[in-house]
Amino acid sequence: MKGKLDAGDPRAWWLEALEAIHLDPFDRALIAQAKAEQLTLMTTDSEIPKYDIECLRVAR
């Protein structure tokens, strides 16, 4: 059947996707670098270990 694809409101799903990503741009760069180079991050940030990277959680 030929018809239009209903993708909903692209702005809505784009905002939802952005909210699902860590909001700090520097942290996103660190996460991407750690993934690309298979590095381990040491952090006190409780959000970073949620990503698929090796982390050492540092207690304050």
N, C-alpha and C. Protein backbone atom coordinates (compact mmCIF):
# COMPACT_ATOMS: atom_id res chain seq x y z
N MET A 1 0.84 -1.15 0.00
CA MET A 1 0.00 0.00 0.00
C MET A 1 0.90 1.23 0.00
N LYS A 2 0.63 2.15 -0.88
CA LYS A 2 1.42 3.35 -0.99
C LYS A 2 0.80 4.45 -0.13
N GLY A 3 1.61 5.10 0.63
CA GLY A 3 1.11 6.17 1.49
C GLY A 3 2.27 6.91 2.13
N LYS A 4 1.94 7.82 2.95
CA LYS A 4 2.96 8.60 3.63
C LYS A 4 3.38 7.91 4.93
N LEU A 5 4.63 8.05 5.23
CA LEU A 5 5.16 7.53 6.47
C LEU A 5 4.85 8.52 7.58
N ASP A 6 4.21 8.06 8.63
CA ASP A 6 3.89 8.92 9.76
C ASP A 6 5.02 8.81 10.78
N ALA A 7 5.87 9.81 10.82
CA ALA A 7 7.00 9.82 11.75
C ALA A 7 6.70 10.62 12.99
N GLY A 8 5.48 11.09 13.12
CA GLY A 8 5.13 11.90 14.29
C GLY A 8 5.78 13.26 14.19
N ASP A 9 5.98 13.89 15.31
CA ASP A 9 6.61 15.20 15.36
C ASP A 9 8.11 15.01 15.58
N PRO A 10 8.95 15.28 14.57
CA PRO A 10 10.39 15.06 14.71
C PRO A 10 11.00 15.88 15.85
N ARG A 11 10.44 17.06 16.10
CA ARG A 11 10.98 17.88 17.20
C ARG A 11 10.77 17.19 18.54
N ALA A 12 9.64 16.53 18.70
CA ALA A 12 9.35 15.86 19.97
C ALA A 12 10.31 14.70 20.20
N TRP A 13 10.51 13.83 19.20
CA TRP A 13 11.39 12.69 19.44
C TRP A 13 12.85 13.13 19.53
N TRP A 14 13.22 14.24 18.86
CA TRP A 14 14.59 14.76 18.96
C TRP A 14 14.84 15.25 20.39
N LEU A 15 13.90 15.99 20.96
CA LEU A 15 14.06 16.47 22.34
C LEU A 15 14.12 15.31 23.32
N GLU A 16 13.31 14.28 23.11
CA GLU A 16 13.36 13.10 23.97
C GLU A 16 14.72 12.41 23.87
N ALA A 17 15.24 12.31 22.67
CA ALA A 17 16.55 11.68 22.47
C ALA A 17 17.64 12.49 23.16
N LEU A 18 17.59 13.80 23.05
CA LEU A 18 18.59 14.64 23.71
C LEU A 18 18.53 14.52 25.22
N GLU A 19 17.33 14.42 25.76
CA GLU A 19 17.19 14.29 27.21
C GLU A 19 17.72 12.95 27.72
N ALA A 20 17.74 11.95 26.86
CA ALA A 20 18.24 10.63 27.25
C ALA A 20 19.76 10.60 27.27
N ILE A 21 20.40 11.59 26.65
CA ILE A 21 21.86 11.69 26.59
C ILE A 21 22.33 12.57 27.73
N HIS A 22 23.46 12.24 28.29
CA HIS A 22 24.06 13.06 29.35
C HIS A 22 24.13 14.50 28.87
N LEU A 23 23.67 15.45 29.67
CA LEU A 23 23.49 16.83 29.24
C LEU A 23 24.75 17.68 29.28
N ASP A 24 25.76 17.28 30.01
CA ASP A 24 26.99 18.07 30.08
C ASP A 24 27.85 17.78 28.86
N PRO A 25 28.11 18.79 28.00
CA PRO A 25 28.87 18.54 26.77
C PRO A 25 30.28 18.04 27.03
N PHE A 26 30.92 18.49 28.10
CA PHE A 26 32.27 18.01 28.40
C PHE A 26 32.22 16.54 28.79
N ASP A 27 31.22 16.15 29.58
CA ASP A 27 31.07 14.74 29.96
C ASP A 27 30.80 13.88 28.73
N ARG A 28 29.99 14.38 27.80
CA ARG A 28 29.73 13.61 26.57
C ARG A 28 31.02 13.38 25.80
N ALA A 29 31.89 14.40 25.76
CA ALA A 29 33.18 14.25 25.08
C ALA A 29 34.03 13.21 25.79
N LEU A 30 34.05 13.23 27.13
CA LEU A 30 34.82 12.24 27.88
C LEU A 30 34.29 10.83 27.65
N ILE A 31 32.97 10.69 27.66
CA ILE A 31 32.35 9.38 27.43
C ILE A 31 32.68 8.86 26.04
N ALA A 32 32.58 9.73 25.03
CA ALA A 32 32.90 9.33 23.66
C ALA A 32 34.36 8.93 23.52
N GLN A 33 35.26 9.71 24.13
CA GLN A 33 36.69 9.39 24.07
C GLN A 33 36.99 8.07 24.75
N ALA A 34 36.37 7.84 25.91
CA ALA A 34 36.58 6.59 26.63
C ALA A 34 36.09 5.40 25.82
N LYS A 35 34.94 5.57 25.16
CA LYS A 35 34.42 4.48 24.32
C LYS A 35 35.34 4.22 23.13
N ALA A 36 35.77 5.28 22.46
CA ALA A 36 36.58 5.15 21.24
C ALA A 36 37.94 4.50 21.53
N GLU A 37 38.52 4.84 22.67
CA GLU A 37 39.87 4.36 22.98
C GLU A 37 39.89 3.31 24.07
N GLN A 38 38.70 2.81 24.45
CA GLN A 38 38.57 1.77 25.47
C GLN A 38 39.34 2.15 26.75
N LEU A 39 39.04 3.36 27.25
CA LEU A 39 39.68 3.88 28.44
C LEU A 39 38.79 3.68 29.66
N THR A 40 39.37 3.74 30.83
CA THR A 40 38.63 3.71 32.08
C THR A 40 38.57 5.11 32.65
N LEU A 41 37.38 5.56 33.03
CA LEU A 41 37.21 6.87 33.63
C LEU A 41 37.10 6.74 35.14
N MET A 42 37.75 7.66 35.86
CA MET A 42 37.56 7.79 37.30
C MET A 42 36.65 9.00 37.49
N THR A 43 35.55 8.82 38.24
CA THR A 43 34.59 9.90 38.35
C THR A 43 33.83 9.85 39.67
N THR A 44 33.36 11.02 40.08
CA THR A 44 32.43 11.10 41.21
C THR A 44 31.01 11.30 40.70
N ASP A 45 30.86 11.49 39.39
CA ASP A 45 29.56 11.73 38.75
C ASP A 45 28.78 10.42 38.69
N SER A 46 27.62 10.41 39.31
CA SER A 46 26.84 9.17 39.37
C SER A 46 26.16 8.85 38.04
N GLU A 47 26.13 9.77 37.10
CA GLU A 47 25.49 9.54 35.80
C GLU A 47 26.41 8.81 34.82
N ILE A 48 27.69 9.09 34.85
CA ILE A 48 28.62 8.54 33.86
C ILE A 48 28.68 7.02 33.88
N PRO A 49 28.70 6.35 35.04
CA PRO A 49 28.74 4.88 35.01
C PRO A 49 27.53 4.22 34.34
N LYS A 50 26.48 4.97 34.06
CA LYS A 50 25.30 4.42 33.38
C LYS A 50 25.57 4.11 31.91
N TYR A 51 26.66 4.65 31.38
CA TYR A 51 26.99 4.44 29.96
C TYR A 51 27.88 3.22 29.82
N ASP A 52 27.96 2.69 28.63
CA ASP A 52 28.68 1.45 28.38
C ASP A 52 30.19 1.71 28.28
N ILE A 53 30.77 2.16 29.41
CA ILE A 53 32.21 2.38 29.48
C ILE A 53 32.70 1.88 30.83
N GLU A 54 33.98 1.61 30.89
CA GLU A 54 34.60 1.17 32.13
C GLU A 54 34.79 2.37 33.03
N CYS A 55 34.28 2.29 34.27
CA CYS A 55 34.38 3.41 35.22
C CYS A 55 34.86 2.91 36.57
N LEU A 56 35.61 3.77 37.22
CA LEU A 56 35.94 3.57 38.62
C LEU A 56 35.23 4.68 39.37
N ARG A 57 34.32 4.32 40.22
CA ARG A 57 33.52 5.31 40.96
C ARG A 57 34.35 5.78 42.15
N VAL A 58 34.55 7.06 42.25
CA VAL A 58 35.32 7.66 43.33
C VAL A 58 34.35 8.24 44.35
N ALA A 59 34.50 7.84 45.60
CA ALA A 59 33.63 8.37 46.66
C ALA A 59 34.19 9.69 47.16
N ARG A 60 33.29 10.59 47.46
CA ARG A 60 33.75 11.88 48.01
C ARG A 60 33.80 11.82 49.50
